[in-house]
PDB file of N, CA and C in Angstrom:
ATOM      1  N   MET A   1      99.633 124.083 130.798  1.00  0.00           N
ATOM      2  CA  MET A   1     100.226 123.960 129.548  1.00  0.00           C
ATOM      3  C   MET A   1      99.152 123.858 128.543  1.00  0.00           C
ATOM      4  N   PHE A   2      97.723 122.796 128.653  1.00  0.00           N
ATOM      5  CA  PHE A   2      96.216 122.772 128.087  1.00  0.00           C
ATOM      6  C   PHE A   2      95.600 123.630 128.595  1.00  0.00           C
ATOM      7  N   GLY A   3      95.570 124.003 130.092  1.00  0.00           N
ATOM      8  CA  GLY A   3      94.696 123.785 130.944  1.00  0.00           C
ATOM      9  C   GLY A   3      94.237 122.685 131.010  1.00  0.00           C
ATOM     10  N   LEU A   4      94.438 121.269 131.181  1.00  0.00           N
ATOM     11  CA  LEU A   4      93.771 120.091 132.021  1.00  0.00           C
ATOM     12  C   LEU A   4      93.739 119.396 132.991  1.00  0.00           C
ATOM     13  N   GLY A   5      93.426 119.475 133.356  1.00  0.00           N
ATOM     14  CA  GLY A   5      93.143 119.663 135.366  1.00  0.00           C
ATOM     15  C   GLY A   5      92.882 117.488 135.120  1.00  0.00           C
ATOM     16  N   MET A   6      93.020 117.227 136.344  1.00  0.00           N
ATOM     17  CA  MET A   6      92.633 115.767 136.461  1.00  0.00           C
ATOM     18  C   MET A   6      91.201 114.940 135.980  1.00  0.00           C
ATOM     19  N   PRO A   7      90.473 116.166 136.241  1.00  0.00           N
ATOM     20  CA  PRO A   7      88.716 115.913 135.686  1.00  0.00           C
ATOM     21  C   PRO A   7      88.551 115.477 134.350  1.00  0.00           C
ATOM     22  N   GLU A   8      89.257 116.663 133.574  1.00  0.00           N
ATOM     23  CA  GLU A   8      89.158 116.658 132.151  1.00  0.00           C
ATOM     24  C   GLU A   8      89.810 115.026 131.270  1.00  0.00           C
ATOM     25  N   LEU A   9      91.318 114.793 132.264  1.00  0.00           N
ATOM     26  CA  LEU A   9      92.183 113.574 131.908  1.00  0.00           C
ATOM     27  C   LEU A   9      91.187 112.201 131.785  1.00  0.00           C
ATOM     28  N   ILE A  10      90.901 112.435 133.688  1.00  0.00           N
ATOM     29  CA  ILE A  10      89.931 110.918 133.996  1.00  0.00           C
ATOM     30  C   ILE A  10      88.606 110.769 132.406  1.00  0.00           C
ATOM     31  N   ILE A  11      88.082 111.779 131.765  1.00  0.00           N
ATOM     32  CA  ILE A  11      86.481 112.211 131.251  1.00  0.00           C
ATOM     33  C   ILE A  11      87.614 111.238 129.998  1.00  0.00           C
ATOM     34  N   ILE A  12      88.798 111.801 129.677  1.00  0.00           N
ATOM     35  CA  ILE A  12      89.453 111.576 127.921  1.00  0.00           C
ATOM     36  C   ILE A  12      89.822 110.375 128.515  1.00  0.00           C
ATOM     37  N   LEU A  13      90.583 109.281 129.574  1.00  0.00           N
ATOM     38  CA  LEU A  13      91.142 108.432 129.839  1.00  0.00           C
ATOM     39  C   LEU A  13      89.206 107.359 129.275  1.00  0.00           C
ATOM     40  N   VAL A  14      88.413 107.701 129.631  1.00  0.00           N
ATOM     41  CA  VAL A  14      87.274 106.807 130.347  1.00  0.00           C
ATOM     42  C   VAL A  14      86.796 106.359 128.677  1.00  0.00           C
ATOM     43  N   ILE A  15      86.618 107.960 128.011  1.00  0.00           N
ATOM     44  CA  ILE A  15      86.228 107.713 126.688  1.00  0.00           C
ATOM     45  C   ILE A  15      87.858 106.306 125.382  1.00  0.00           C
ATOM     46  N   ILE A  16      88.299 107.141 125.341  1.00  0.00           N
ATOM     47  CA  ILE A  16      89.925 105.792 125.242  1.00  0.00           C
ATOM     48  C   ILE A  16      89.494 104.296 125.278  1.00  0.00           C
ATOM     49  N   VAL A  17      88.581 103.868 126.656  1.00  0.00           N
ATOM     50  CA  VAL A  17      88.224 102.469 126.859  1.00  0.00           C
ATOM     51  C   VAL A  17      87.646 102.259 126.568  1.00  0.00           C
ATOM     52  N   ILE A  18      86.121 103.147 125.980  1.00  0.00           N
ATOM     53  CA  ILE A  18      85.037 102.894 126.067  1.00  0.00           C
ATOM     54  C   ILE A  18      85.165 102.883 123.933  1.00  0.00           C
ATOM     55  N   ILE A  19      86.416 103.371 123.508  1.00  0.00           N
ATOM     56  CA  ILE A  19      86.320 103.070 122.137  1.00  0.00           C
ATOM     57  C   ILE A  19      86.562 102.023 121.850  1.00  0.00           C
ATOM     58  N   PHE A  20      88.449 101.795 123.013  1.00  0.00           N
ATOM     59  CA  PHE A  20      88.940 100.704 122.272  1.00  0.00           C
ATOM     60  C   PHE A  20      88.779  99.679 123.306  1.00  0.00           C
ATOM     61  N   GLY A  21      88.739  99.530 124.553  1.00  0.00           N
ATOM     62  CA  GLY A  21      88.268  98.458 125.277  1.00  0.00           C
ATOM     63  C   GLY A  21      89.620  98.229 125.978  1.00  0.00           C
ATOM     64  N   ALA A  22      89.774  97.321 127.139  1.00  0.00           N
ATOM     65  CA  ALA A  22      90.879  97.863 127.912  1.00  0.00           C
ATOM     66  C   ALA A  22      91.992  96.919 127.584  1.00  0.00           C
ATOM     67  N   GLY A  23      91.768  95.780 126.885  1.00  0.00           N
ATOM     68  CA  GLY A  23      92.395  94.944 126.363  1.00  0.00           C
ATOM     69  C   GLY A  23      93.738  95.515 125.059  1.00  0.00           C
ATOM     70  N   LYS A  24      93.101  96.593 125.027  1.00  0.00           N
ATOM     71  CA  LYS A  24      93.662  97.166 124.024  1.00  0.00           C
ATOM     72  C   LYS A  24      94.970  98.027 124.360  1.00  0.00           C
ATOM     73  N   LEU A  25      94.733  98.994 125.363  1.00  0.00           N
ATOM     74  CA  LEU A  25      95.166 100.434 126.210  1.00  0.00           C
ATOM     75  C   LEU A  25      97.243  99.775 125.510  1.00  0.00           C
ATOM     76  N   PRO A  26      97.292  98.848 126.685  1.00  0.00           N
ATOM     77  CA  PRO A  26      99.140  98.418 126.273  1.00  0.00           C
ATOM     78  C   PRO A  26      99.678  98.438 125.021  1.00  0.00           C
ATOM     79  N   GLU A  27      98.572  98.381 123.864  1.00  0.00           N
ATOM     80  CA  GLU A  27      99.174  98.144 122.696  1.00  0.00           C
ATOM     81  C   GLU A  27      99.122  99.320 122.040  1.00  0.00           C
ATOM     82  N   ILE A  28      98.887 100.156 122.358  1.00  0.00           N
ATOM     83  CA  ILE A  28      98.198 101.441 121.518  1.00  0.00           C
ATOM     84  C   ILE A  28      99.048 101.997 122.837  1.00  0.00           C
ATOM     85  N   GLY A  29     100.026 101.970 124.361  1.00  0.00           N
ATOM     86  CA  GLY A  29     100.504 102.566 124.928  1.00  0.00           C
ATOM     87  C   GLY A  29     102.243 102.615 124.293  1.00  0.00           C
ATOM     88  N   ALA A  30     102.094 100.660 123.946  1.00  0.00           N
ATOM     89  CA  ALA A  30     103.561 100.796 123.376  1.00  0.00           C
ATOM     90  C   ALA A  30     103.830 101.372 122.280  1.00  0.00           C
ATOM     91  N   GLY A  31     102.535 101.402 121.207  1.00  0.00           N
ATOM     92  CA  GLY A  31     102.957 101.627 120.274  1.00  0.00           C
ATOM     93  C   GLY A  31     103.338 103.683 119.721  1.00  0.00           C
ATOM     94  N   ILE A  32     102.807 103.766 121.281  1.00  0.00           N
ATOM     95  CA  ILE A  32     103.285 105.335 121.561  1.00  0.00           C
ATOM     96  C   ILE A  32     104.241 105.507 121.487  1.00  0.00           C
ATOM     97  N   GLY A  33     105.061 104.636 122.486  1.00  0.00           N
ATOM     98  CA  GLY A  33     106.038 104.829 122.952  1.00  0.00           C
ATOM     99  C   GLY A  33     107.155 104.450 122.145  1.00  0.00           C
ATOM    100  N   LYS A  34     107.427 103.633 121.001  1.00  0.00           N
ATOM    101  CA  LYS A  34     107.862 103.561 119.905  1.00  0.00           C
ATOM    102  C   LYS A  34     108.136 104.001 119.425  1.00  0.00           C
ATOM    103  N   GLY A  35     106.756 104.874 119.100  1.00  0.00           N
ATOM    104  CA  GLY A  35     106.927 106.402 117.986  1.00  0.00           C
ATOM    105  C   GLY A  35     107.380 107.450 119.223  1.00  0.00           C
ATOM    106  N   ILE A  36     107.501 107.670 120.109  1.00  0.00           N
ATOM    107  CA  ILE A  36     108.585 108.965 120.816  1.00  0.00           C
ATOM    108  C   ILE A  36     109.895 108.272 120.751  1.00  0.00           C
ATOM    109  N   LYS A  37     110.045 107.048 120.648  1.00  0.00           N
ATOM    110  CA  LYS A  37     111.068 107.006 120.560  1.00  0.00           C
ATOM    111  C   LYS A  37     111.673 106.928 119.549  1.00  0.00           C
ATOM    112  N   ASN A  38     111.278 106.954 118.438  1.00  0.00           N
ATOM    113  CA  ASN A  38     111.683 106.907 116.897  1.00  0.00           C
ATOM    114  C   ASN A  38     111.665 108.535 116.279  1.00  0.00           C
ATOM    115  N   PHE A  39     111.067 109.402 116.663  1.00  0.00           N
ATOM    116  CA  PHE A  39     110.682 110.537 116.622  1.00  0.00           C
ATOM    117  C   PHE A  39     111.989 111.024 117.743  1.00  0.00           C
ATOM    118  N   LYS A  40     112.369 110.967 118.645  1.00  0.00           N
ATOM    119  CA  LYS A  40     113.668 111.534 119.559  1.00  0.00           C
ATOM    120  C   LYS A  40     115.143 110.982 118.799  1.00  0.00           C
ATOM    121  N   ASN A  41     115.090 109.836 118.072  1.00  0.00           N
ATOM    122  CA  ASN A  41     116.116 108.915 117.644  1.00  0.00           C
ATOM    123  C   ASN A  41     116.508 109.949 116.183  1.00  0.00           C
ATOM    124  N   ALA A  42     115.250 109.969 115.467  1.00  0.00           N
ATOM    125  CA  ALA A  42     115.098 111.108 114.221  1.00  0.00           C
ATOM    126  C   ALA A  42     115.315 112.683 114.461  1.00  0.00           C
ATOM    127  N   THR A  43     114.833 113.317 115.707  1.00  0.00           N
ATOM    128  CA  THR A  43     115.956 114.694 115.510  1.00  0.00           C
ATOM    129  C   THR A  43     116.472 115.367 116.498  1.00  0.00           C
ATOM    130  N   GLY A  44     117.382 113.658 117.463  1.00  0.00           N
ATOM    131  CA  GLY A  44     118.824 113.813 118.462  1.00  0.00           C
ATOM    132  C   GLY A  44     119.341 114.168 117.539  1.00  0.00           C
ATOM    133  N   ASP A  45     120.655 114.434 118.054  1.00  0.00           N
ATOM    134  CA  ASP A  45     122.009 114.617 117.612  1.00  0.00           C
ATOM    135  C   ASP A  45     123.379 112.682 117.312  1.00  0.00           C
ATOM    136  N   GLU A  46     123.567 113.051 117.468  1.00  0.00           N
ATOM    137  CA  GLU A  46     125.023 111.720 116.910  1.00  0.00           C
ATOM    138  C   GLU A  46     125.147 110.980 118.473  1.00  0.00           C
ATOM    139  N   GLU A  47     125.238 112.311 119.241  1.00  0.00           N
ATOM    140  CA  GLU A  47     125.697 111.624 120.092  1.00  0.00           C
ATOM    141  C   GLU A  47     124.697 110.964 121.215  1.00  0.00           C
ATOM    142  N   ASP A  48     123.540 111.543 121.066  1.00  0.00           N
ATOM    143  CA  ASP A  48     121.843 110.986 121.793  1.00  0.00           C
ATOM    144  C   ASP A  48     122.108 109.992 120.866  1.00  0.00           C
ATOM    145  N   LYS A  49     122.250 109.518 120.037  1.00  0.00           N
ATOM    146  CA  LYS A  49     122.074 108.382 119.435  1.00  0.00           C
ATOM    147  C   LYS A  49     122.893 107.083 119.353  1.00  0.00           C
ATOM    148  N   LYS A  50     123.809 107.686 119.630  1.00  0.00           N
ATOM    149  CA  LYS A  50     125.337 106.862 120.322  1.00  0.00           C
ATOM    150  C   LYS A  50     124.901 106.603 122.031  1.00  0.00           C
ATOM    151  N   LYS A  51     123.884 107.412 122.686  1.00  0.00           N
ATOM    152  CA  LYS A  51     123.439 106.478 123.887  1.00  0.00           C
ATOM    153  C   LYS A  51     122.336 105.976 123.614  1.00  0.00           C
ATOM    154  N   ILE A  52     121.711 106.160 122.633  1.00  0.00           N
ATOM    155  CA  ILE A  52     120.048 105.336 122.740  1.00  0.00           C
ATOM    156  C   ILE A  52     120.232 103.901 122.014  1.00  0.00           C
ATOM    157  N   ASP A  53     121.531 103.711 121.537  1.00  0.00           N
ATOM    158  CA  ASP A  53     121.567 102.567 121.009  1.00  0.00           C
ATOM    159  C   ASP A  53     122.603 101.385 121.421  1.00  0.00           C
ATOM    160  N   GLU A  54     123.654 102.113 122.914  1.00  0.00           N
ATOM    161  CA  GLU A  54     124.147 101.222 123.363  1.00  0.00           C
ATOM    162  C   GLU A  54     123.064 100.874 124.316  1.00  0.00           C
ATOM    163  N   SER A  55     122.521 101.358 125.041  1.00  0.00           N
ATOM    164  CA  SER A  55     120.890 101.177 126.000  1.00  0.00           C
ATOM    165  C   SER A  55     120.413 100.190 125.447  1.00  0.00           C
ATOM    166  N   GLU A  56     120.326  99.986 124.407  1.00  0.00           N
ATOM    167  CA  GLU A  56     119.028  98.910 123.876  1.00  0.00           C
ATOM    168  C   GLU A  56     120.047  97.608 123.084  1.00  0.00           C
ATOM    169  N   LYS A  57     121.563  98.468 123.210  1.00  0.00           N
ATOM    170  CA  LYS A  57     122.424  96.734 123.099  1.00  0.00           C
ATOM    171  C   LYS A  57     122.100  96.409 124.039  1.00  0.00           C
ATOM    172  N   ASN A  58     122.499  97.080 125.756  1.00  0.00           N
ATOM    173  CA  ASN A  58     122.660  96.613 127.165  1.00  0.00           C
ATOM    174  C   ASN A  58     121.185  95.870 127.795  1.00  0.00           C
ATOM    175  N   LYS A  59     120.432  96.250 126.982  1.00  0.00           N
ATOM    176  CA  LYS A  59     118.674  96.034 127.064  1.00  0.00           C
ATOM    177  C   LYS A  59     118.333  94.106 126.961  1.00  0.00           C
ATOM    178  N   ASP A  60     118.852  94.321 125.518  1.00  0.00           N
ATOM    179  CA  ASP A  60     118.648  93.175 124.733  1.00  0.00           C
ATOM    180  C   ASP A  60     119.938  92.144 125.108  1.00  0.00           C
ATOM    181  N   ALA A  61     121.001  92.602 125.846  1.00  0.00           N
ATOM    182  CA  ALA A  61     122.144  91.335 126.036  1.00  0.00           C
ATOM    183  C   ALA A  61     121.409  90.552 127.364  1.00  0.00           C
TER     184      ALA A  61
END
């Protein structure tokens, strides 16, 4: 896709760990996940939004 192989991804991961530290990685991952979920909610059609809302309700219960 972008011409990124395994060595490039490892170098990027090492740089991210150096900059943010290992303790912040779960917070960063959670933030990215929430951002992607919000983006899908904003761009999806009504049927997809209903499915996502139902799955969130089932997860909370």
